[in-house]
Amino acid sequence: MAKVIYIVGMGPGEERFFTGQAKHAIEQSDVVIGYTVYVDLMKKFYPEKCYRTTGMKKEVERCELCLELAEEGKTIALICSGDAGVYGLASLMYELLPEESEIELVIVPGITAANSGAAVLGAPLNHDYCVISLSDLMTPWEVIEKRLIAAIQGDFAIALYNPSSHKRADYLQKACDIMLSSGASPERACGYVENIGREGTSATTCTLQELREKKVNMFTTVFIGNSNTFIRNQHLVTPRGYLDKAKR
């Protein structure tokens, strides 16, 4: 009997954002495992499924539970918000899977916040961009700072994940200060989206200097434009250069 663990990116959490592959994986699974908040979202759409949950900071235990139940012959869906391979549990599952295991890991992509948030704002990531998390739970702040500096010096558009929490209330301000001191103009076009794809979705555009003074929550994704990004009709737009090429 095949032993399969689907590692499913569920996007922002509403069913309209589930891919066809994600729906198929959930339907084929005997047990759906995930963080409590994500499981509560999934239960609305698949109430008949068997669910197992673990709390925040229990990622290792969650993945070990997947392996344990898969070894018993159950088909598992491990659900992650956004994309399972973008700050999700795909890599951890590969790290924990024994080399001699017969379990097959199937990664099911989902819509990550950088993409779903960008669609709400307009087209902020239409040229080269990078994604940086401001959470120092897994990454030392010194490393995050180096990445912010490199992104500005490389003139990338940037999507910032985890810009704030109760313990990190000033991290977005710190990040803005780093970018400003690294050569970004105070007038650089920026924006942020709260509650992407859920009730109460809202988008705001502003300059980098204005962003420095904003208070955002942990359900917010922040976008920093590159040097050519502009704001038009409250939309954030990073041109690819098509018009410039057409004029040559």
C-alpha atoms as a PDB file:
ATOM      1  CA  MET A   1       0.000   0.000   0.000  1.00  0.00           C
ATOM      2  CA  ALA A   2       1.363   3.433  -0.963  1.00  0.00           C
ATOM      3  CA  LYS A   3       2.188   5.699   1.936  1.00  0.00           C
ATOM      4  CA  VAL A   4       1.583   9.309   0.999  1.00  0.00           C
ATOM      5  CA  ILE A   5       1.773  12.644   2.815  1.00  0.00           C
ATOM      6  CA  TYR A   6       0.408  15.597   0.869  1.00  0.00           C
ATOM      7  CA  ILE A   7       1.918  18.869   2.062  1.00  0.00           C
ATOM      8  CA  VAL A   8      -0.767  21.293   1.012  1.00  0.00           C
ATOM      9  CA  GLY A   9      -0.579  25.045   0.541  1.00  0.00           C
ATOM     10  CA  MET A  10      -4.085  26.334   1.208  1.00  0.00           C
ATOM     11  CA  GLY A  11      -3.498  29.955   0.213  1.00  0.00           C
ATOM     12  CA  PRO A  12      -5.125  32.662   2.356  1.00  0.00           C
ATOM     13  CA  GLY A  13      -7.661  30.189   3.712  1.00  0.00           C
ATOM     14  CA  GLU A  14     -10.836  30.734   1.686  1.00  0.00           C
ATOM     15  CA  GLU A  15     -11.975  27.905  -0.582  1.00  0.00           C
ATOM     16  CA  ARG A  16     -11.913  30.100  -3.696  1.00  0.00           C
ATOM     17  CA  PHE A  17      -8.120  30.270  -3.300  1.00  0.00           C
ATOM     18  CA  PHE A  18      -7.638  26.486  -3.103  1.00  0.00           C
ATOM     19  CA  THR A  19      -6.088  25.007  -6.229  1.00  0.00           C
ATOM     20  CA  GLY A  20      -7.650  21.985  -7.876  1.00  0.00           C
ATOM     21  CA  GLN A  21      -4.630  19.948  -6.769  1.00  0.00           C
ATOM     22  CA  ALA A  22      -5.116  21.078  -3.163  1.00  0.00           C
ATOM     23  CA  LYS A  23      -8.780  20.063  -3.206  1.00  0.00           C
ATOM     24  CA  HIS A  24      -7.872  16.669  -4.660  1.00  0.00           C
ATOM     25  CA  ALA A  25      -5.233  16.107  -1.959  1.00  0.00           C
ATOM     26  CA  ILE A  26      -7.689  16.907   0.838  1.00  0.00           C
ATOM     27  CA  GLU A  27     -10.347  14.655  -0.687  1.00  0.00           C
ATOM     28  CA  GLN A  28      -7.883  11.744  -1.004  1.00  0.00           C
ATOM     29  CA  SER A  29      -6.600  12.032   2.558  1.00  0.00           C
ATOM     30  CA  ASP A  30      -7.744  10.034   5.563  1.00  0.00           C
ATOM     31  CA  VAL A  31      -6.470  12.575   8.082  1.00  0.00           C
ATOM     32  CA  VAL A  32      -5.900  16.322   7.786  1.00  0.00           C
ATOM     33  CA  ILE A  33      -3.237  17.695  10.124  1.00  0.00           C
ATOM     34  CA  GLY A  34      -2.365  21.317  10.806  1.00  0.00           C
ATOM     35  CA  TYR A  35      -2.040  24.282  13.102  1.00  0.00           C
ATOM     36  CA  THR A  36      -5.305  24.823  14.976  1.00  0.00           C
ATOM     37  CA  VAL A  37      -6.210  28.083  13.182  1.00  0.00           C
ATOM     38  CA  TYR A  38      -5.711  26.544   9.717  1.00  0.00           C
ATOM     39  CA  VAL A  39      -7.670  23.426  10.613  1.00  0.00           C
ATOM     40  CA  ASP A  40     -10.585  25.559  11.810  1.00  0.00           C
ATOM     41  CA  LEU A  41     -10.621  27.234   8.402  1.00  0.00           C
ATOM     42  CA  MET A  42     -10.488  23.910   6.567  1.00  0.00           C
ATOM     43  CA  LYS A  43     -13.284  22.352   8.650  1.00  0.00           C
ATOM     44  CA  LYS A  44     -15.752  24.801   7.137  1.00  0.00           C
ATOM     45  CA  PHE A  45     -15.239  23.233   3.724  1.00  0.00           C
ATOM     46  CA  TYR A  46     -14.546  19.587   4.639  1.00  0.00           C
ATOM     47  CA  PRO A  47     -16.451  18.959   7.893  1.00  0.00           C
ATOM     48  CA  GLU A  48     -16.531  15.189   7.343  1.00  0.00           C
ATOM     49  CA  LYS A  49     -12.754  14.768   7.482  1.00  0.00           C
ATOM     50  CA  CYS A  50     -10.758  13.473  10.446  1.00  0.00           C
ATOM     51  CA  TYR A  51      -8.562  16.258  11.827  1.00  0.00           C
ATOM     52  CA  ARG A  52      -5.564  16.409  14.146  1.00  0.00           C
ATOM     53  CA  THR A  53      -4.061  19.676  15.379  1.00  0.00           C
ATOM     54  CA  THR A  54      -1.059  21.055  17.213  1.00  0.00           C
ATOM     55  CA  GLY A  55      -0.534  24.563  18.537  1.00  0.00           C
ATOM     56  CA  MET A  56       1.868  27.312  17.636  1.00  0.00           C
ATOM     57  CA  LYS A  57       5.591  26.422  17.839  1.00  0.00           C
ATOM     58  CA  LYS A  58       4.724  22.696  17.622  1.00  0.00           C
ATOM     59  CA  GLU A  59       5.824  22.318  14.003  1.00  0.00           C
ATOM     60  CA  VAL A  60       8.207  19.414  14.644  1.00  0.00           C
ATOM     61  CA  GLU A  61       5.571  17.491  16.598  1.00  0.00           C
ATOM     62  CA  ARG A  62       3.059  18.158  13.819  1.00  0.00           C
ATOM     63  CA  CYS A  63       5.344  16.725  11.153  1.00  0.00           C
ATOM     64  CA  GLU A  64       6.278  13.735  13.327  1.00  0.00           C
ATOM     65  CA  LEU A  65       2.561  13.001  13.758  1.00  0.00           C
ATOM     66  CA  CYS A  66       2.207  12.975   9.963  1.00  0.00           C
ATOM     67  CA  LEU A  67       5.000  10.423   9.658  1.00  0.00           C
ATOM     68  CA  GLU A  68       3.580   8.271  12.446  1.00  0.00           C
ATOM     69  CA  LEU A  69       0.105   8.091  10.916  1.00  0.00           C
ATOM     70  CA  ALA A  70       1.469   7.576   7.395  1.00  0.00           C
ATOM     71  CA  GLU A  71       3.463   4.583   8.650  1.00  0.00           C
ATOM     72  CA  GLU A  72       0.152   3.137   9.863  1.00  0.00           C
ATOM     73  CA  GLY A  73      -1.080   3.273   6.274  1.00  0.00           C
ATOM     74  CA  LYS A  74      -3.146   6.425   6.409  1.00  0.00           C
ATOM     75  CA  THR A  75      -2.985   9.032   3.658  1.00  0.00           C
ATOM     76  CA  ILE A  76      -2.217  12.383   5.239  1.00  0.00           C
ATOM     77  CA  ALA A  77      -2.756  16.011   4.250  1.00  0.00           C
ATOM     78  CA  LEU A  78      -0.531  18.418   6.174  1.00  0.00           C
ATOM     79  CA  ILE A  79      -2.003  21.866   5.566  1.00  0.00           C
ATOM     80  CA  CYS A  80      -0.062  25.127   5.594  1.00  0.00           C
ATOM     81  CA  SER A  81      -1.211  28.677   4.927  1.00  0.00           C
ATOM     82  CA  GLY A  82      -0.084  30.223   1.651  1.00  0.00           C
ATOM     83  CA  ASP A  83       2.429  27.922  -0.036  1.00  0.00           C
ATOM     84  CA  ALA A  84       3.894  25.011   1.921  1.00  0.00           C
ATOM     85  CA  GLY A  85       7.330  25.722   0.466  1.00  0.00           C
ATOM     86  CA  VAL A  86       7.373  29.427   1.389  1.00  0.00           C
ATOM     87  CA  TYR A  87       7.922  29.685   5.158  1.00  0.00           C
ATOM     88  CA  GLY A  88       5.889  26.455   5.383  1.00  0.00           C
ATOM     89  CA  LEU A  89       6.580  22.900   6.486  1.00  0.00           C
ATOM     90  CA  ALA A  90       7.718  21.322   3.221  1.00  0.00           C
ATOM     91  CA  SER A  91      11.420  21.555   4.070  1.00  0.00           C
ATOM     92  CA  LEU A  92      10.918  20.304   7.634  1.00  0.00           C
ATOM     93  CA  MET A  93       9.092  17.220   6.348  1.00  0.00           C
ATOM     94  CA  TYR A  94      12.044  16.409   4.085  1.00  0.00           C
ATOM     95  CA  GLU A  95      14.443  16.935   6.986  1.00  0.00           C
ATOM     96  CA  LEU A  96      12.509  14.535   9.230  1.00  0.00           C
ATOM     97  CA  LEU A  97      11.794  11.856   6.619  1.00  0.00           C
ATOM     98  CA  PRO A  98      14.234   8.939   7.087  1.00  0.00           C
ATOM     99  CA  GLU A  99      16.265   8.154   3.968  1.00  0.00           C
ATOM    100  CA  GLU A 100      15.030   4.548   3.950  1.00  0.00           C
ATOM    101  CA  SER A 101      11.369   5.515   4.379  1.00  0.00           C
ATOM    102  CA  GLU A 102       8.780   4.304   1.874  1.00  0.00           C
ATOM    103  CA  ILE A 103       6.625   7.357   2.518  1.00  0.00           C
ATOM    104  CA  GLU A 104       6.149   9.612  -0.504  1.00  0.00           C
ATOM    105  CA  LEU A 105       5.982  13.365   0.104  1.00  0.00           C
ATOM    106  CA  VAL A 106       3.843  15.245  -2.413  1.00  0.00           C
ATOM    107  CA  ILE A 107       4.176  19.024  -2.324  1.00  0.00           C
ATOM    108  CA  VAL A 108       0.972  20.818  -3.334  1.00  0.00           C
ATOM    109  CA  PRO A 109       1.633  24.494  -4.136  1.00  0.00           C
ATOM    110  CA  GLY A 110      -0.610  27.264  -2.869  1.00  0.00           C
ATOM    111  CA  ILE A 111      -0.950  31.003  -3.336  1.00  0.00           C
ATOM    112  CA  THR A 112       1.543  32.675  -1.019  1.00  0.00           C
ATOM    113  CA  ALA A 113       0.831  36.070   0.577  1.00  0.00           C
ATOM    114  CA  ALA A 114       3.325  37.854  -1.672  1.00  0.00           C
ATOM    115  CA  ASN A 115       1.229  36.936  -4.708  1.00  0.00           C
ATOM    116  CA  SER A 116      -2.257  37.239  -3.250  1.00  0.00           C
ATOM    117  CA  GLY A 117      -1.364  40.531  -1.554  1.00  0.00           C
ATOM    118  CA  ALA A 118       0.277  41.883  -4.693  1.00  0.00           C
ATOM    119  CA  ALA A 119      -2.922  41.206  -6.635  1.00  0.00           C
ATOM    120  CA  VAL A 120      -4.890  43.335  -4.170  1.00  0.00           C
ATOM    121  CA  LEU A 121      -2.413  46.222  -4.420  1.00  0.00           C
ATOM    122  CA  GLY A 122      -2.025  46.095  -8.194  1.00  0.00           C
ATOM    123  CA  ALA A 123       1.321  44.979  -9.618  1.00  0.00           C
ATOM    124  CA  PRO A 124       4.088  45.687  -7.088  1.00  0.00           C
ATOM    125  CA  LEU A 125       6.131  42.549  -7.904  1.00  0.00           C
ATOM    126  CA  ASN A 126       6.080  42.745 -11.688  1.00  0.00           C
ATOM    127  CA  HIS A 127       9.874  42.835 -11.921  1.00  0.00           C
ATOM    128  CA  ASP A 128      12.655  41.131  -9.923  1.00  0.00           C
ATOM    129  CA  TYR A 129      11.672  40.858  -6.278  1.00  0.00           C
ATOM    130  CA  CYS A 130      12.562  39.109  -3.037  1.00  0.00           C
ATOM    131  CA  VAL A 131      10.628  37.955   0.012  1.00  0.00           C
ATOM    132  CA  ILE A 132      12.001  38.639   3.497  1.00  0.00           C
ATOM    133  CA  SER A 133      10.494  37.701   6.852  1.00  0.00           C
ATOM    134  CA  LEU A 134      10.999  40.138   9.721  1.00  0.00           C
ATOM    135  CA  SER A 135      10.473  37.390  12.290  1.00  0.00           C
ATOM    136  CA  ASP A 136      13.680  36.655  14.190  1.00  0.00           C
ATOM    137  CA  LEU A 137      12.225  33.478  15.716  1.00  0.00           C
ATOM    138  CA  MET A 138      14.166  31.356  13.197  1.00  0.00           C
ATOM    139  CA  THR A 139      16.600  33.902  11.739  1.00  0.00           C
ATOM    140  CA  PRO A 140      18.894  36.213  13.739  1.00  0.00           C
ATOM    141  CA  TRP A 141      18.069  39.893  13.304  1.00  0.00           C
ATOM    142  CA  GLU A 142      21.614  40.546  12.080  1.00  0.00           C
ATOM    143  CA  VAL A 143      20.943  38.250   9.108  1.00  0.00           C
ATOM    144  CA  ILE A 144      17.595  39.900   8.395  1.00  0.00           C
ATOM    145  CA  GLU A 145      19.313  43.292   8.413  1.00  0.00           C
ATOM    146  CA  LYS A 146      21.918  42.101   5.876  1.00  0.00           C
ATOM    147  CA  ARG A 147      19.153  40.825   3.601  1.00  0.00           C
ATOM    148  CA  LEU A 148      17.260  44.123   3.767  1.00  0.00           C
ATOM    149  CA  ILE A 149      20.410  46.057   2.885  1.00  0.00           C
ATOM    150  CA  ALA A 150      21.218  43.703  -0.002  1.00  0.00           C
ATOM    151  CA  ALA A 151      17.662  43.949  -1.365  1.00  0.00           C
ATOM    152  CA  ILE A 152      17.790  47.743  -1.423  1.00  0.00           C
ATOM    153  CA  GLN A 153      21.270  47.824  -2.926  1.00  0.00           C
ATOM    154  CA  GLY A 154      20.125  45.354  -5.595  1.00  0.00           C
ATOM    155  CA  ASP A 155      17.052  47.534  -6.260  1.00  0.00           C
ATOM    156  CA  PHE A 156      14.623  44.673  -5.761  1.00  0.00           C
ATOM    157  CA  ALA A 157      10.952  45.112  -5.020  1.00  0.00           C
ATOM    158  CA  ILE A 158      10.388  43.495  -1.618  1.00  0.00           C
ATOM    159  CA  ALA A 159       7.566  41.626   0.070  1.00  0.00           C
ATOM    160  CA  LEU A 160       7.904  41.650   3.861  1.00  0.00           C
ATOM    161  CA  TYR A 161       6.321  38.821   5.832  1.00  0.00           C
ATOM    162  CA  ASN A 162       5.702  38.865   9.601  1.00  0.00           C
ATOM    163  CA  PRO A 163       6.183  42.639   9.903  1.00  0.00           C
ATOM    164  CA  SER A 164       4.873  42.878  13.443  1.00  0.00           C
ATOM    165  CA  SER A 165       3.692  41.029  16.534  1.00  0.00           C
ATOM    166  CA  HIS A 166       3.117  41.828  20.194  1.00  0.00           C
ATOM    167  CA  LYS A 167       6.796  41.187  20.921  1.00  0.00           C
ATOM    168  CA  ARG A 168       8.048  42.817  17.698  1.00  0.00           C
ATOM    169  CA  ALA A 169       5.918  45.955  17.559  1.00  0.00           C
ATOM    170  CA  ASP A 170       8.759  48.137  16.257  1.00  0.00           C
ATOM    171  CA  TYR A 171      10.312  45.752  13.734  1.00  0.00           C
ATOM    172  CA  LEU A 172       8.718  47.347  10.679  1.00  0.00           C
ATOM    173  CA  GLN A 173      10.007  50.735  11.802  1.00  0.00           C
ATOM    174  CA  LYS A 174      13.473  49.232  12.270  1.00  0.00           C
ATOM    175  CA  ALA A 175      13.318  47.686   8.807  1.00  0.00           C
ATOM    176  CA  CYS A 176      12.299  51.005   7.256  1.00  0.00           C
ATOM    177  CA  ASP A 177      15.205  52.759   8.984  1.00  0.00           C
ATOM    178  CA  ILE A 178      17.617  50.150   7.606  1.00  0.00           C
ATOM    179  CA  MET A 179      16.285  50.581   4.078  1.00  0.00           C
ATOM    180  CA  LEU A 180      16.374  54.375   4.307  1.00  0.00           C
ATOM    181  CA  SER A 181      19.960  54.323   5.538  1.00  0.00           C
ATOM    182  CA  SER A 182      20.873  51.885   2.734  1.00  0.00           C
ATOM    183  CA  GLY A 183      19.947  54.280  -0.051  1.00  0.00           C
ATOM    184  CA  ALA A 184      16.179  53.964  -0.457  1.00  0.00           C
ATOM    185  CA  SER A 185      14.430  57.270  -1.040  1.00  0.00           C
ATOM    186  CA  PRO A 186      11.934  58.399   1.625  1.00  0.00           C
ATOM    187  CA  GLU A 187       9.497  58.833  -1.286  1.00  0.00           C
ATOM    188  CA  ARG A 188       9.834  55.233  -2.459  1.00  0.00           C
ATOM    189  CA  ALA A 189       6.385  53.815  -3.239  1.00  0.00           C
ATOM    190  CA  CYS A 190       5.154  51.200  -0.755  1.00  0.00           C
ATOM    191  CA  GLY A 191       1.966  49.532   0.371  1.00  0.00           C
ATOM    192  CA  TYR A 192       0.513  46.884   2.634  1.00  0.00           C
ATOM    193  CA  VAL A 193      -2.454  44.536   2.713  1.00  0.00           C
ATOM    194  CA  GLU A 194      -4.243  43.278   5.813  1.00  0.00           C
ATOM    195  CA  ASN A 195      -6.312  40.072   6.074  1.00  0.00           C
ATOM    196  CA  ILE A 196      -5.512  38.971   2.538  1.00  0.00           C
ATOM    197  CA  GLY A 197      -8.311  36.926   0.996  1.00  0.00           C
ATOM    198  CA  ARG A 198     -10.418  37.002   4.135  1.00  0.00           C
ATOM    199  CA  GLU A 199     -13.203  39.145   5.539  1.00  0.00           C
ATOM    200  CA  GLY A 200     -11.957  42.672   6.105  1.00  0.00           C
ATOM    201  CA  THR A 201      -9.258  42.692   3.430  1.00  0.00           C
ATOM    202  CA  SER A 202      -7.823  46.199   3.122  1.00  0.00           C
ATOM    203  CA  ALA A 203      -4.982  47.750   1.139  1.00  0.00           C
ATOM    204  CA  THR A 204      -3.017  50.951   1.755  1.00  0.00           C
ATOM    205  CA  THR A 205      -0.413  52.735  -0.371  1.00  0.00           C
ATOM    206  CA  CYS A 206       2.144  55.139   1.053  1.00  0.00           C
ATOM    207  CA  THR A 207       5.749  56.280   0.832  1.00  0.00           C
ATOM    208  CA  LEU A 208       8.568  54.530   2.661  1.00  0.00           C
ATOM    209  CA  GLN A 209       8.804  57.436   5.100  1.00  0.00           C
ATOM    210  CA  GLU A 210       5.073  57.207   5.803  1.00  0.00           C
ATOM    211  CA  LEU A 211       5.311  53.421   6.141  1.00  0.00           C
ATOM    212  CA  ARG A 212       7.840  53.926   8.936  1.00  0.00           C
ATOM    213  CA  GLU A 213       5.084  55.457  11.083  1.00  0.00           C
ATOM    214  CA  LYS A 214       2.407  52.875  10.304  1.00  0.00           C
ATOM    215  CA  LYS A 215       1.205  50.306  12.832  1.00  0.00           C
ATOM    216  CA  VAL A 216       0.428  46.961  11.237  1.00  0.00           C
ATOM    217  CA  ASN A 217      -0.628  43.605  12.653  1.00  0.00           C
ATOM    218  CA  MET A 218       0.666  40.069  12.179  1.00  0.00           C
ATOM    219  CA  PHE A 219      -1.910  39.425   9.428  1.00  0.00           C
ATOM    220  CA  THR A 220      -0.313  42.064   7.195  1.00  0.00           C
ATOM    221  CA  THR A 221       2.026  41.702   4.214  1.00  0.00           C
ATOM    222  CA  VAL A 222       4.113  44.773   3.357  1.00  0.00           C
ATOM    223  CA  PHE A 223       5.386  45.708  -0.094  1.00  0.00           C
ATOM    224  CA  ILE A 224       8.390  47.948  -0.764  1.00  0.00           C
ATOM    225  CA  GLY A 225       8.700  49.078  -4.354  1.00  0.00           C
ATOM    226  CA  ASN A 226      11.937  49.348  -6.291  1.00  0.00           C
ATOM    227  CA  SER A 227      13.275  52.712  -7.473  1.00  0.00           C
ATOM    228  CA  ASN A 228      10.865  52.722 -10.455  1.00  0.00           C
ATOM    229  CA  THR A 229       7.695  51.682  -8.624  1.00  0.00           C
ATOM    230  CA  PHE A 230       4.907  54.249  -8.590  1.00  0.00           C
ATOM    231  CA  ILE A 231       1.446  54.725  -7.100  1.00  0.00           C
ATOM    232  CA  ARG A 232      -1.454  55.269  -9.494  1.00  0.00           C
ATOM    233  CA  ASN A 233      -5.076  55.464  -8.371  1.00  0.00           C
ATOM    234  CA  GLN A 234      -4.128  53.856  -5.033  1.00  0.00           C
ATOM    235  CA  HIS A 235      -2.448  50.933  -6.779  1.00  0.00           C
ATOM    236  CA  LEU A 236       1.224  50.017  -6.453  1.00  0.00           C
ATOM    237  CA  VAL A 237       2.853  49.421  -9.836  1.00  0.00           C
ATOM    238  CA  THR A 238       6.367  48.182 -10.626  1.00  0.00           C
ATOM    239  CA  PRO A 239       6.924  48.461 -14.397  1.00  0.00           C
ATOM    240  CA  ARG A 240       8.761  45.719 -16.249  1.00  0.00           C
ATOM    241  CA  GLY A 241      10.060  48.101 -18.913  1.00  0.00           C
ATOM    242  CA  TYR A 242       7.833  47.203 -21.858  1.00  0.00           C
ATOM    243  CA  LEU A 243       7.064  50.841 -22.729  1.00  0.00           C
ATOM    244  CA  ASP A 244      10.728  51.834 -22.545  1.00  0.00           C
ATOM    245  CA  LYS A 245      11.621  49.025 -24.935  1.00  0.00           C
ATOM    246  CA  ALA A 246       8.821  49.969 -27.329  1.00  0.00           C
ATOM    247  CA  LYS A 247      10.186  53.537 -27.581  1.00  0.00           C
ATOM    248  CA  ARG A 248      13.656  52.398 -28.663  1.00  0.00           C
END
